[in-house]
PDB file of all heavy atoms in Angstrom:
ATOM      1  N   MET A   1      23.021  -6.294 -26.185  1.00  0.00           N
ATOM      2  CA  MET A   1      22.795  -5.179 -27.083  1.00  0.00           C
ATOM      3  C   MET A   1      21.844  -5.540 -28.212  1.00  0.00           C
ATOM      4  O   MET A   1      21.427  -4.698 -28.971  1.00  0.00           O
ATOM      5  CB  MET A   1      24.127  -4.715 -27.688  1.00  0.00           C
ATOM      6  CG  MET A   1      25.105  -4.198 -26.650  1.00  0.00           C
ATOM      7  SD  MET A   1      24.441  -2.831 -25.695  1.00  0.00           S
ATOM      8  CE  MET A   1      24.352  -1.561 -26.943  1.00  0.00           C
ATOM      9  N   LEU A   2      21.503  -6.838 -28.342  1.00  0.00           N
ATOM     10  CA  LEU A   2      20.663  -7.261 -29.446  1.00  0.00           C
ATOM     11  C   LEU A   2      19.312  -7.796 -28.998  1.00  0.00           C
ATOM     12  O   LEU A   2      18.589  -8.385 -29.790  1.00  0.00           O
ATOM     13  CB  LEU A   2      21.378  -8.341 -30.277  1.00  0.00           C
ATOM     14  CG  LEU A   2      22.541  -7.834 -31.114  1.00  0.00           C
ATOM     15  CD1 LEU A   2      23.234  -9.000 -31.788  1.00  0.00           C
ATOM     16  CD2 LEU A   2      22.068  -6.846 -32.154  1.00  0.00           C
ATOM     17  N   GLN A   3      18.961  -7.587 -27.751  1.00  0.00           N
ATOM     18  CA  GLN A   3      17.675  -8.087 -27.277  1.00  0.00           C
ATOM     19  C   GLN A   3      16.569  -7.104 -27.633  1.00  0.00           C
ATOM     20  O   GLN A   3      16.110  -6.327 -26.820  1.00  0.00           O
ATOM     21  CB  GLN A   3      17.716  -8.321 -25.767  1.00  0.00           C
ATOM     22  CG  GLN A   3      18.781  -9.340 -25.350  1.00  0.00           C
ATOM     23  CD  GLN A   3      18.588 -10.670 -26.038  1.00  0.00           C
ATOM     24  OE1 GLN A   3      17.488 -11.202 -26.010  1.00  0.00           O
ATOM     25  NE2 GLN A   3      19.611 -11.211 -26.653  1.00  0.00           N
ATOM     26  N   ALA A   4      16.134  -7.135 -28.893  1.00  0.00           N
ATOM     27  CA  ALA A   4      15.157  -6.168 -29.381  1.00  0.00           C
ATOM     28  C   ALA A   4      13.746  -6.461 -28.898  1.00  0.00           C
ATOM     29  O   ALA A   4      12.885  -5.597 -28.899  1.00  0.00           O
ATOM     30  CB  ALA A   4      15.175  -6.137 -30.910  1.00  0.00           C
ATOM     31  N   ASP A   5      13.474  -7.694 -28.514  1.00  0.00           N
ATOM     32  CA  ASP A   5      12.115  -8.071 -28.129  1.00  0.00           C
ATOM     33  C   ASP A   5      12.009  -8.335 -26.634  1.00  0.00           C
ATOM     34  O   ASP A   5      11.307  -9.226 -26.184  1.00  0.00           O
ATOM     35  CB  ASP A   5      11.681  -9.317 -28.912  1.00  0.00           C
ATOM     36  CG  ASP A   5      11.684  -9.071 -30.397  1.00  0.00           C
ATOM     37  OD1 ASP A   5      11.238  -7.994 -30.798  1.00  0.00           O
ATOM     38  OD2 ASP A   5      12.148  -9.951 -31.143  1.00  0.00           O
ATOM     39  N   GLY A   6      12.736  -7.562 -25.850  1.00  0.00           N
ATOM     40  CA  GLY A   6      12.697  -7.747 -24.404  1.00  0.00           C
ATOM     41  C   GLY A   6      14.087  -8.058 -23.896  1.00  0.00           C
ATOM     42  O   GLY A   6      15.074  -7.856 -24.558  1.00  0.00           O
ATOM     43  N   GLY A   7      14.197  -8.571 -22.681  1.00  0.00           N
ATOM     44  CA  GLY A   7      15.491  -8.963 -22.160  1.00  0.00           C
ATOM     45  C   GLY A   7      16.241  -7.794 -21.556  1.00  0.00           C
ATOM     46  O   GLY A   7      15.668  -6.810 -21.131  1.00  0.00           O
ATOM     47  N   VAL A   8      17.561  -7.915 -21.558  1.00  0.00           N
ATOM     48  CA  VAL A   8      18.405  -6.975 -20.829  1.00  0.00           C
ATOM     49  C   VAL A   8      18.203  -5.547 -21.273  1.00  0.00           C
ATOM     50  O   VAL A   8      18.105  -4.629 -20.477  1.00  0.00           O
ATOM     51  CB  VAL A   8      19.890  -7.384 -20.999  1.00  0.00           C
ATOM     52  CG1 VAL A   8      20.789  -6.362 -20.306  1.00  0.00           C
ATOM     53  CG2 VAL A   8      20.118  -8.774 -20.423  1.00  0.00           C
ATOM     54  N   PHE A   9      18.120  -5.335 -22.585  1.00  0.00           N
ATOM     55  CA  PHE A   9      18.068  -3.969 -23.093  1.00  0.00           C
ATOM     56  C   PHE A   9      16.809  -3.235 -22.662  1.00  0.00           C
ATOM     57  O   PHE A   9      16.808  -2.031 -22.518  1.00  0.00           O
ATOM     58  CB  PHE A   9      18.149  -4.003 -24.635  1.00  0.00           C
ATOM     59  CG  PHE A   9      18.305  -2.641 -25.252  1.00  0.00           C
ATOM     60  CD1 PHE A   9      19.538  -2.011 -25.266  1.00  0.00           C
ATOM     61  CD2 PHE A   9      17.223  -1.986 -25.804  1.00  0.00           C
ATOM     62  CE1 PHE A   9      19.688  -0.763 -25.820  1.00  0.00           C
ATOM     63  CE2 PHE A   9      17.364  -0.738 -26.360  1.00  0.00           C
ATOM     64  CZ  PHE A   9      18.595  -0.124 -26.376  1.00  0.00           C
ATOM     65  N   ASP A  10      15.729  -3.946 -22.430  1.00  0.00           N
ATOM     66  CA  ASP A  10      14.436  -3.334 -22.149  1.00  0.00           C
ATOM     67  C   ASP A  10      14.017  -3.417 -20.693  1.00  0.00           C
ATOM     68  O   ASP A  10      12.941  -2.965 -20.348  1.00  0.00           O
ATOM     69  CB  ASP A  10      13.344  -4.036 -22.975  1.00  0.00           C
ATOM     70  CG  ASP A  10      13.284  -3.513 -24.378  1.00  0.00           C
ATOM     71  OD1 ASP A  10      13.629  -2.353 -24.581  1.00  0.00           O
ATOM     72  OD2 ASP A  10      12.905  -4.289 -25.266  1.00  0.00           O
ATOM     73  N   GLU A  11      14.827  -4.007 -19.834  1.00  0.00           N
ATOM     74  CA  GLU A  11      14.299  -4.425 -18.544  1.00  0.00           C
ATOM     75  C   GLU A  11      14.019  -3.266 -17.589  1.00  0.00           C
ATOM     76  O   GLU A  11      13.244  -3.419 -16.654  1.00  0.00           O
ATOM     77  CB  GLU A  11      15.254  -5.428 -17.899  1.00  0.00           C
ATOM     78  CG  GLU A  11      16.597  -4.830 -17.526  1.00  0.00           C
ATOM     79  CD  GLU A  11      17.544  -5.905 -17.007  1.00  0.00           C
ATOM     80  OE1 GLU A  11      17.177  -7.084 -17.027  1.00  0.00           O
ATOM     81  OE2 GLU A  11      18.641  -5.544 -16.587  1.00  0.00           O
ATOM     82  N   GLU A  12      14.623  -2.081 -17.791  1.00  0.00           N
ATOM     83  CA  GLU A  12      14.379  -0.981 -16.872  1.00  0.00           C
ATOM     84  C   GLU A  12      13.020  -0.354 -17.153  1.00  0.00           C
ATOM     85  O   GLU A  12      12.677  -0.055 -18.283  1.00  0.00           O
ATOM     86  CB  GLU A  12      15.474   0.086 -17.028  1.00  0.00           C
ATOM     87  CG  GLU A  12      16.818  -0.362 -16.478  1.00  0.00           C
ATOM     88  CD  GLU A  12      17.818   0.770 -16.496  1.00  0.00           C
ATOM     89  OE1 GLU A  12      17.417   1.911 -16.827  1.00  0.00           O
ATOM     90  OE2 GLU A  12      18.989   0.519 -16.192  1.00  0.00           O
ATOM     91  N   ALA A  13      12.251  -0.155 -16.120  1.00  0.00           N
ATOM     92  CA  ALA A  13      10.958   0.514 -16.293  1.00  0.00           C
ATOM     93  C   ALA A  13      11.193   1.988 -16.543  1.00  0.00           C
ATOM     94  O   ALA A  13      12.191   2.558 -16.138  1.00  0.00           O
ATOM     95  CB  ALA A  13      10.113   0.321 -15.032  1.00  0.00           C
ATOM     96  N   HIS A  14      10.270   2.621 -17.257  1.00  0.00           N
ATOM     97  CA  HIS A  14      10.417   4.044 -17.511  1.00  0.00           C
ATOM     98  C   HIS A  14       9.192   4.771 -16.984  1.00  0.00           C
ATOM     99  O   HIS A  14       8.097   4.251 -16.980  1.00  0.00           O
ATOM    100  CB  HIS A  14      10.647   4.320 -18.996  1.00  0.00           C
ATOM    101  CG  HIS A  14       9.568   3.790 -19.895  1.00  0.00           C
ATOM    102  ND1 HIS A  14       9.354   2.458 -20.100  1.00  0.00           N
ATOM    103  CD2 HIS A  14       8.633   4.437 -20.627  1.00  0.00           C
ATOM    104  CE1 HIS A  14       8.353   2.276 -20.935  1.00  0.00           C
ATOM    105  NE2 HIS A  14       7.888   3.466 -21.266  1.00  0.00           N
ATOM    106  N   GLY A  15       9.417   5.996 -16.544  1.00  0.00           N
ATOM    107  CA  GLY A  15       8.345   6.770 -15.951  1.00  0.00           C
ATOM    108  C   GLY A  15       7.334   7.244 -16.971  1.00  0.00           C
ATOM    109  O   GLY A  15       7.556   7.192 -18.171  1.00  0.00           O
ATOM    110  N   ALA A  16       6.218   7.717 -16.470  1.00  0.00           N
ATOM    111  CA  ALA A  16       5.148   8.197 -17.335  1.00  0.00           C
ATOM    112  C   ALA A  16       5.659   9.362 -18.169  1.00  0.00           C
ATOM    113  O   ALA A  16       6.275  10.288 -17.669  1.00  0.00           O
ATOM    114  CB  ALA A  16       3.960   8.640 -16.485  1.00  0.00           C
ATOM    115  N   GLY A  17       5.373   9.289 -19.471  1.00  0.00           N
ATOM    116  CA  GLY A  17       5.753  10.367 -20.362  1.00  0.00           C
ATOM    117  C   GLY A  17       7.189  10.310 -20.829  1.00  0.00           C
ATOM    118  O   GLY A  17       7.613  11.154 -21.620  1.00  0.00           O
ATOM    119  N   LYS A  18       7.964   9.334 -20.359  1.00  0.00           N
ATOM    120  CA  LYS A  18       9.354   9.213 -20.772  1.00  0.00           C
ATOM    121  C   LYS A  18       9.543   7.979 -21.641  1.00  0.00           C
ATOM    122  O   LYS A  18       8.882   6.967 -21.456  1.00  0.00           O
ATOM    123  CB  LYS A  18      10.274   9.135 -19.551  1.00  0.00           C
ATOM    124  CG  LYS A  18      10.382  10.426 -18.757  1.00  0.00           C
ATOM    125  CD  LYS A  18      11.410  10.296 -17.642  1.00  0.00           C
ATOM    126  CE  LYS A  18      11.549  11.597 -16.869  1.00  0.00           C
ATOM    127  NZ  LYS A  18      12.566  11.487 -15.796  1.00  0.00           N
ATOM    128  N   LEU A  19      10.488   8.092 -22.569  1.00  0.00           N
ATOM    129  CA  LEU A  19      10.821   6.954 -23.412  1.00  0.00           C
ATOM    130  C   LEU A  19      11.879   6.099 -22.721  1.00  0.00           C
ATOM    131  O   LEU A  19      12.758   6.626 -22.038  1.00  0.00           O
ATOM    132  CB  LEU A  19      11.352   7.436 -24.758  1.00  0.00           C
ATOM    133  CG  LEU A  19      10.421   8.307 -25.609  1.00  0.00           C
ATOM    134  CD1 LEU A  19      11.125   8.723 -26.883  1.00  0.00           C
ATOM    135  CD2 LEU A  19       9.143   7.552 -25.943  1.00  0.00           C
ATOM    136  N   ASN A  20      11.805   4.787 -22.922  1.00  0.00           N
ATOM    137  CA  ASN A  20      12.876   3.941 -22.394  1.00  0.00           C
ATOM    138  C   ASN A  20      13.977   3.815 -23.434  1.00  0.00           C
ATOM    139  O   ASN A  20      13.915   4.382 -24.529  1.00  0.00           O
ATOM    140  CB  ASN A  20      12.329   2.573 -21.961  1.00  0.00           C
ATOM    141  CG  ASN A  20      11.758   1.781 -23.123  1.00  0.00           C
ATOM    142  OD1 ASN A  20      11.990   2.089 -24.289  1.00  0.00           O
ATOM    143  ND2 ASN A  20      10.996   0.754 -22.805  1.00  0.00           N
ATOM    144  N   LYS A  21      15.017   3.065 -23.096  1.00  0.00           N
ATOM    145  CA  LYS A  21      16.175   2.962 -23.971  1.00  0.00           C
ATOM    146  C   LYS A  21      15.819   2.358 -25.330  1.00  0.00           C
ATOM    147  O   LYS A  21      16.344   2.773 -26.364  1.00  0.00           O
ATOM    148  CB  LYS A  21      17.255   2.124 -23.288  1.00  0.00           C
ATOM    149  CG  LYS A  21      17.862   2.802 -22.067  1.00  0.00           C
ATOM    150  CD  LYS A  21      18.852   1.899 -21.347  1.00  0.00           C
ATOM    151  CE  LYS A  21      18.157   0.750 -20.646  1.00  0.00           C
ATOM    152  NZ  LYS A  21      19.091  -0.016 -19.773  1.00  0.00           N
ATOM    153  N   GLN A  22      14.925   1.383 -25.306  1.00  0.00           N
ATOM    154  CA  GLN A  22      14.501   0.753 -26.560  1.00  0.00           C
ATOM    155  C   GLN A  22      13.755   1.745 -27.438  1.00  0.00           C
ATOM    156  O   GLN A  22      13.984   1.816 -28.654  1.00  0.00           O
ATOM    157  CB  GLN A  22      13.615  -0.460 -26.252  1.00  0.00           C
ATOM    158  CG  GLN A  22      12.985  -1.126 -27.473  1.00  0.00           C
ATOM    159  CD  GLN A  22      13.973  -1.957 -28.267  1.00  0.00           C
ATOM    160  OE1 GLN A  22      15.179  -1.916 -27.997  1.00  0.00           O
ATOM    161  NE2 GLN A  22      13.478  -2.709 -29.221  1.00  0.00           N
ATOM    162  N   ASP A  23      12.853   2.528 -26.849  1.00  0.00           N
ATOM    163  CA  ASP A  23      12.107   3.534 -27.614  1.00  0.00           C
ATOM    164  C   ASP A  23      13.055   4.539 -28.255  1.00  0.00           C
ATOM    165  O   ASP A  23      12.896   4.916 -29.426  1.00  0.00           O
ATOM    166  CB  ASP A  23      11.127   4.292 -26.702  1.00  0.00           C
ATOM    167  CG  ASP A  23      10.041   3.411 -26.118  1.00  0.00           C
ATOM    168  OD1 ASP A  23       9.677   2.414 -26.780  1.00  0.00           O
ATOM    169  OD2 ASP A  23       9.558   3.703 -25.011  1.00  0.00           O
ATOM    170  N   ILE A  24      14.042   5.001 -27.473  1.00  0.00           N
ATOM    171  CA  ILE A  24      15.001   5.988 -27.972  1.00  0.00           C
ATOM    172  C   ILE A  24      15.818   5.399 -29.116  1.00  0.00           C
ATOM    173  O   ILE A  24      16.022   6.033 -30.156  1.00  0.00           O
ATOM    174  CB  ILE A  24      15.925   6.472 -26.839  1.00  0.00           C
ATOM    175  CG1 ILE A  24      15.107   7.221 -25.784  1.00  0.00           C
ATOM    176  CG2 ILE A  24      17.040   7.360 -27.378  1.00  0.00           C
ATOM    177  CD1 ILE A  24      15.874   7.517 -24.505  1.00  0.00           C
ATOM    178  N   TYR A  25      16.276   4.176 -28.916  1.00  0.00           N
ATOM    179  CA  TYR A  25      17.048   3.486 -29.958  1.00  0.00           C
ATOM    180  C   TYR A  25      16.255   3.392 -31.257  1.00  0.00           C
ATOM    181  O   TYR A  25      16.755   3.727 -32.343  1.00  0.00           O
ATOM    182  CB  TYR A  25      17.438   2.096 -29.467  1.00  0.00           C
ATOM    183  CG  TYR A  25      17.866   1.148 -30.554  1.00  0.00           C
ATOM    184  CD1 TYR A  25      19.109   1.270 -31.172  1.00  0.00           C
ATOM    185  CD2 TYR A  25      17.012   0.128 -30.970  1.00  0.00           C
ATOM    186  CE1 TYR A  25      19.490   0.397 -32.179  1.00  0.00           C
ATOM    187  CE2 TYR A  25      17.393  -0.753 -31.968  1.00  0.00           C
ATOM    188  CZ  TYR A  25      18.632  -0.611 -32.570  1.00  0.00           C
ATOM    189  OH  TYR A  25      19.001  -1.482 -33.574  1.00  0.00           O
ATOM    190  N   LEU A  26      15.009   2.937 -31.173  1.00  0.00           N
ATOM    191  CA  LEU A  26      14.183   2.772 -32.374  1.00  0.00           C
ATOM    192  C   LEU A  26      13.908   4.102 -33.057  1.00  0.00           C
ATOM    193  O   LEU A  26      13.916   4.187 -34.291  1.00  0.00           O
ATOM    194  CB  LEU A  26      12.872   2.075 -32.009  1.00  0.00           C
ATOM    195  CG  LEU A  26      12.984   0.613 -31.557  1.00  0.00           C
ATOM    196  CD1 LEU A  26      11.625   0.090 -31.105  1.00  0.00           C
ATOM    197  CD2 LEU A  26      13.547  -0.259 -32.671  1.00  0.00           C
ATOM    198  N   GLU A  27      13.653   5.148 -32.270  1.00  0.00           N
ATOM    199  CA  GLU A  27      13.370   6.459 -32.861  1.00  0.00           C
ATOM    200  C   GLU A  27      14.604   7.035 -33.554  1.00  0.00           C
ATOM    201  O   GLU A  27      14.511   7.565 -34.663  1.00  0.00           O
ATOM    202  CB  GLU A  27      12.859   7.423 -31.792  1.00  0.00           C
ATOM    203  CG  GLU A  27      12.632   8.853 -32.277  1.00  0.00           C
ATOM    204  CD  GLU A  27      11.650   8.962 -33.429  1.00  0.00           C
ATOM    205  OE1 GLU A  27      10.801   8.045 -33.615  1.00  0.00           O
ATOM    206  OE2 GLU A  27      11.715   9.968 -34.157  1.00  0.00           O
ATOM    207  N   LEU A  28      15.760   6.927 -32.907  1.00  0.00           N
ATOM    208  CA  LEU A  28      16.985   7.433 -33.531  1.00  0.00           C
ATOM    209  C   LEU A  28      17.333   6.624 -34.777  1.00  0.00           C
ATOM    210  O   LEU A  28      17.773   7.193 -35.789  1.00  0.00           O
ATOM    211  CB  LEU A  28      18.136   7.404 -32.528  1.00  0.00           C
ATOM    212  CG  LEU A  28      18.038   8.389 -31.362  1.00  0.00           C
ATOM    213  CD1 LEU A  28      19.213   8.185 -30.406  1.00  0.00           C
ATOM    214  CD2 LEU A  28      17.999   9.822 -31.854  1.00  0.00           C
ATOM    215  N   ARG A  29      17.136   5.323 -34.720  1.00  0.00           N
ATOM    216  CA  ARG A  29      17.393   4.485 -35.894  1.00  0.00           C
ATOM    217  C   ARG A  29      16.485   4.871 -37.048  1.00  0.00           C
ATOM    218  O   ARG A  29      16.907   4.943 -38.205  1.00  0.00           O
ATOM    219  CB  ARG A  29      17.211   3.005 -35.539  1.00  0.00           C
ATOM    220  CG  ARG A  29      17.627   2.065 -36.658  1.00  0.00           C
ATOM    221  CD  ARG A  29      17.484   0.616 -36.265  1.00  0.00           C
ATOM    222  NE  ARG A  29      16.097   0.208 -36.131  1.00  0.00           N
ATOM    223  CZ  ARG A  29      15.706  -1.063 -35.969  1.00  0.00           C
ATOM    224  NH1 ARG A  29      16.621  -2.031 -35.879  1.00  0.00           N
ATOM    225  NH2 ARG A  29      14.432  -1.381 -35.851  1.00  0.00           N
ATOM    226  N   ARG A  30      15.235   5.149 -36.714  1.00  0.00           N
ATOM    227  CA  ARG A  30      14.275   5.568 -37.733  1.00  0.00           C
ATOM    228  C   ARG A  30      14.710   6.890 -38.373  1.00  0.00           C
ATOM    229  O   ARG A  30      14.656   7.050 -39.596  1.00  0.00           O
ATOM    230  CB  ARG A  30      12.890   5.703 -37.102  1.00  0.00           C
ATOM    231  CG  ARG A  30      11.794   6.168 -38.056  1.00  0.00           C
ATOM    232  CD  ARG A  30      10.454   6.205 -37.342  1.00  0.00           C
ATOM    233  NE  ARG A  30       9.402   6.675 -38.234  1.00  0.00           N
ATOM    234  CZ  ARG A  30       9.135   7.960 -38.475  1.00  0.00           C
ATOM    235  NH1 ARG A  30       9.861   8.898 -37.866  1.00  0.00           N
ATOM    236  NH2 ARG A  30       8.178   8.306 -39.301  1.00  0.00           N
ATOM    237  N   ARG A  31      15.149   7.829 -37.568  1.00  0.00           N
ATOM    238  CA  ARG A  31      15.575   9.130 -38.091  1.00  0.00           C
ATOM    239  C   ARG A  31      16.796   8.994 -38.991  1.00  0.00           C
ATOM    240  O   ARG A  31      16.889   9.663 -40.027  1.00  0.00           O
ATOM    241  CB  ARG A  31      15.874  10.083 -36.933  1.00  0.00           C
ATOM    242  CG  ARG A  31      14.664  10.473 -36.120  1.00  0.00           C
ATOM    243  CD  ARG A  31      15.037  11.402 -34.964  1.00  0.00           C
ATOM    244  NE  ARG A  31      13.909  11.664 -34.090  1.00  0.00           N
ATOM    245  CZ  ARG A  31      13.965  12.465 -33.025  1.00  0.00           C
ATOM    246  NH1 ARG A  31      15.108  13.068 -32.708  1.00  0.00           N
ATOM    247  NH2 ARG A  31      12.889  12.653 -32.272  1.00  0.00           N
ATOM    248  N   ILE A  32      17.730   8.132 -38.583  1.00  0.00           N
ATOM    249  CA  ILE A  32      18.918   7.915 -39.404  1.00  0.00           C
ATOM    250  C   ILE A  32      18.531   7.278 -40.734  1.00  0.00           C
ATOM    251  O   ILE A  32      19.005   7.677 -41.797  1.00  0.00           O
ATOM    252  CB  ILE A  32      19.937   7.033 -38.647  1.00  0.00           C
ATOM    253  CG1 ILE A  32      20.516   7.800 -37.451  1.00  0.00           C
ATOM    254  CG2 ILE A  32      21.062   6.581 -39.578  1.00  0.00           C
ATOM    255  CD1 ILE A  32      21.356   6.939 -36.516  1.00  0.00           C
ATOM    256  N   CYS A  33      17.640   6.291 -40.664  1.00  0.00           N
ATOM    257  CA  CYS A  33      17.235   5.576 -41.872  1.00  0.00           C
ATOM    258  C   CYS A  33      16.486   6.484 -42.842  1.00  0.00           C
ATOM    259  O   CYS A  33      16.664   6.397 -44.054  1.00  0.00           O
ATOM    260  CB  CYS A  33      16.374   4.373 -41.492  1.00  0.00           C
ATOM    261  SG  CYS A  33      16.085   3.228 -42.855  1.00  0.00           S
ATOM    262  N   LEU A  34      15.656   7.372 -42.306  1.00  0.00           N
ATOM    263  CA  LEU A  34      14.867   8.274 -43.147  1.00  0.00           C
ATOM    264  C   LEU A  34      15.638   9.537 -43.520  1.00  0.00           C
ATOM    265  O   LEU A  34      15.066  10.452 -44.115  1.00  0.00           O
ATOM    266  CB  LEU A  34      13.562   8.646 -42.434  1.00  0.00           C
ATOM    267  CG  LEU A  34      12.541   7.520 -42.289  1.00  0.00           C
ATOM    268  CD1 LEU A  34      11.355   7.973 -41.455  1.00  0.00           C
ATOM    269  CD2 LEU A  34      12.080   7.013 -43.646  1.00  0.00           C
ATOM    270  N   LEU A  35      16.928   9.570 -43.150  1.00  0.00           N
ATOM    271  CA  LEU A  35      17.823  10.662 -43.526  1.00  0.00           C
ATOM    272  C   LEU A  35      17.470  11.976 -42.835  1.00  0.00           C
ATOM    273  O   LEU A  35      17.857  13.050 -43.313  1.00  0.00           O
ATOM    274  CB  LEU A  35      17.849  10.854 -45.052  1.00  0.00           C
ATOM    275  CG  LEU A  35      18.233   9.612 -45.854  1.00  0.00           C
ATOM    276  CD1 LEU A  35      18.104   9.876 -47.358  1.00  0.00           C
ATOM    277  CD2 LEU A  35      19.651   9.169 -45.518  1.00  0.00           C
ATOM    278  N   ASP A  36      16.724  11.911 -41.729  1.00  0.00           N
ATOM    279  CA  ASP A  36      16.559  13.111 -40.909  1.00  0.00           C
ATOM    280  C   ASP A  36      17.924  13.518 -40.368  1.00  0.00           C
ATOM    281  O   ASP A  36      18.199  14.707 -40.186  1.00  0.00           O
ATOM    282  CB  ASP A  36      15.589  12.848 -39.755  1.00  0.00           C
ATOM    283  CG  ASP A  36      14.171  12.587 -40.244  1.00  0.00           C
ATOM    284  OD1 ASP A  36      13.808  13.092 -41.323  1.00  0.00           O
ATOM    285  OD2 ASP A  36      13.433  11.856 -39.554  1.00  0.00           O
ATOM    286  N   TYR A  37      18.756  12.514 -40.082  1.00  0.00           N
ATOM    287  CA  TYR A  37      20.155  12.729 -39.743  1.00  0.00           C
ATOM    288  C   TYR A  37      20.979  12.220 -40.922  1.00  0.00           C
ATOM    289  O   TYR A  37      21.085  11.022 -41.142  1.00  0.00           O
ATOM    290  CB  TYR A  37      20.547  11.976 -38.471  1.00  0.00           C
ATOM    291  CG  TYR A  37      19.759  12.353 -37.234  1.00  0.00           C
ATOM    292  CD1 TYR A  37      19.433  11.391 -36.281  1.00  0.00           C
ATOM    293  CD2 TYR A  37      19.345  13.658 -37.009  1.00  0.00           C
ATOM    294  CE1 TYR A  37      18.722  11.721 -35.130  1.00  0.00           C
ATOM    295  CE2 TYR A  37      18.625  13.999 -35.871  1.00  0.00           C
ATOM    296  CZ  TYR A  37      18.318  13.029 -34.938  1.00  0.00           C
ATOM    297  OH  TYR A  37      17.604  13.362 -33.802  1.00  0.00           O
ATOM    298  N   GLN A  38      21.537  13.129 -41.681  1.00  0.00           N
ATOM    299  CA  GLN A  38      22.299  12.767 -42.863  1.00  0.00           C
ATOM    300  C   GLN A  38      23.646  12.141 -42.470  1.00  0.00           C
ATOM    301  O   GLN A  38      24.169  12.410 -41.383  1.00  0.00           O
ATOM    302  CB  GLN A  38      22.553  14.016 -43.715  1.00  0.00           C
ATOM    303  CG  GLN A  38      21.304  14.623 -44.332  1.00  0.00           C
ATOM    304  CD  GLN A  38      20.854  13.889 -45.574  1.00  0.00           C
ATOM    305  OE1 GLN A  38      21.654  13.269 -46.268  1.00  0.00           O
ATOM    306  NE2 GLN A  38      19.558  13.952 -45.873  1.00  0.00           N
ATOM    307  N   PRO A  39      24.215  11.295 -43.337  1.00  0.00           N
ATOM    308  CA  PRO A  39      25.557  10.772 -43.069  1.00  0.00           C
ATOM    309  C   PRO A  39      26.545  11.905 -42.795  1.00  0.00           C
ATOM    310  O   PRO A  39      26.578  12.904 -43.517  1.00  0.00           O
ATOM    311  CB  PRO A  39      25.904  10.037 -44.371  1.00  0.00           C
ATOM    312  CG  PRO A  39      24.571   9.623 -44.927  1.00  0.00           C
ATOM    313  CD  PRO A  39      23.640  10.746 -44.583  1.00  0.00           C
ATOM    314  N   GLY A  40      27.306  11.745 -41.724  1.00  0.00           N
ATOM    315  CA  GLY A  40      28.276  12.755 -41.352  1.00  0.00           C
ATOM    316  C   GLY A  40      27.774  13.771 -40.352  1.00  0.00           C
ATOM    317  O   GLY A  40      28.570  14.504 -39.750  1.00  0.00           O
ATOM    318  N   SER A  41      26.451  13.835 -40.152  1.00  0.00           N
ATOM    319  CA  SER A  41      25.902  14.820 -39.217  1.00  0.00           C
ATOM    320  C   SER A  41      26.196  14.405 -37.776  1.00  0.00           C
ATOM    321  O   SER A  41      26.311  13.227 -37.457  1.00  0.00           O
ATOM    322  CB  SER A  41      24.397  14.985 -39.426  1.00  0.00           C
ATOM    323  OG  SER A  41      23.706  13.772 -39.192  1.00  0.00           O
ATOM    324  N   ARG A  42      26.305  15.400 -36.902  1.00  0.00           N
ATOM    325  CA  ARG A  42      26.642  15.178 -35.497  1.00  0.00           C
ATOM    326  C   ARG A  42      25.380  15.039 -34.648  1.00  0.00           C
ATOM    327  O   ARG A  42      24.383  15.718 -34.889  1.00  0.00           O
ATOM    328  CB  ARG A  42      27.477  16.344 -34.964  1.00  0.00           C
ATOM    329  CG  ARG A  42      28.773  16.583 -35.724  1.00  0.00           C
ATOM    330  CD  ARG A  42      29.821  15.573 -35.360  1.00  0.00           C
ATOM    331  NE  ARG A  42      31.034  15.749 -36.141  1.00  0.00           N
ATOM    332  CZ  ARG A  42      32.116  14.990 -36.002  1.00  0.00           C
ATOM    333  NH1 ARG A  42      32.126  14.024 -35.106  1.00  0.00           N
ATOM    334  NH2 ARG A  42      33.179  15.193 -36.754  1.00  0.00           N
TER     335      ARG A  42
END
């Protein structure tokens, strides 16, 4: 769960135009950090 620079978390290839699990994780983390998703929001 902590292989941010490759490894198990990133190993699945993703199709054209789709985000992989790492991309999704980073984008959601960014939104939470920038308060796009406020604490307590679903």
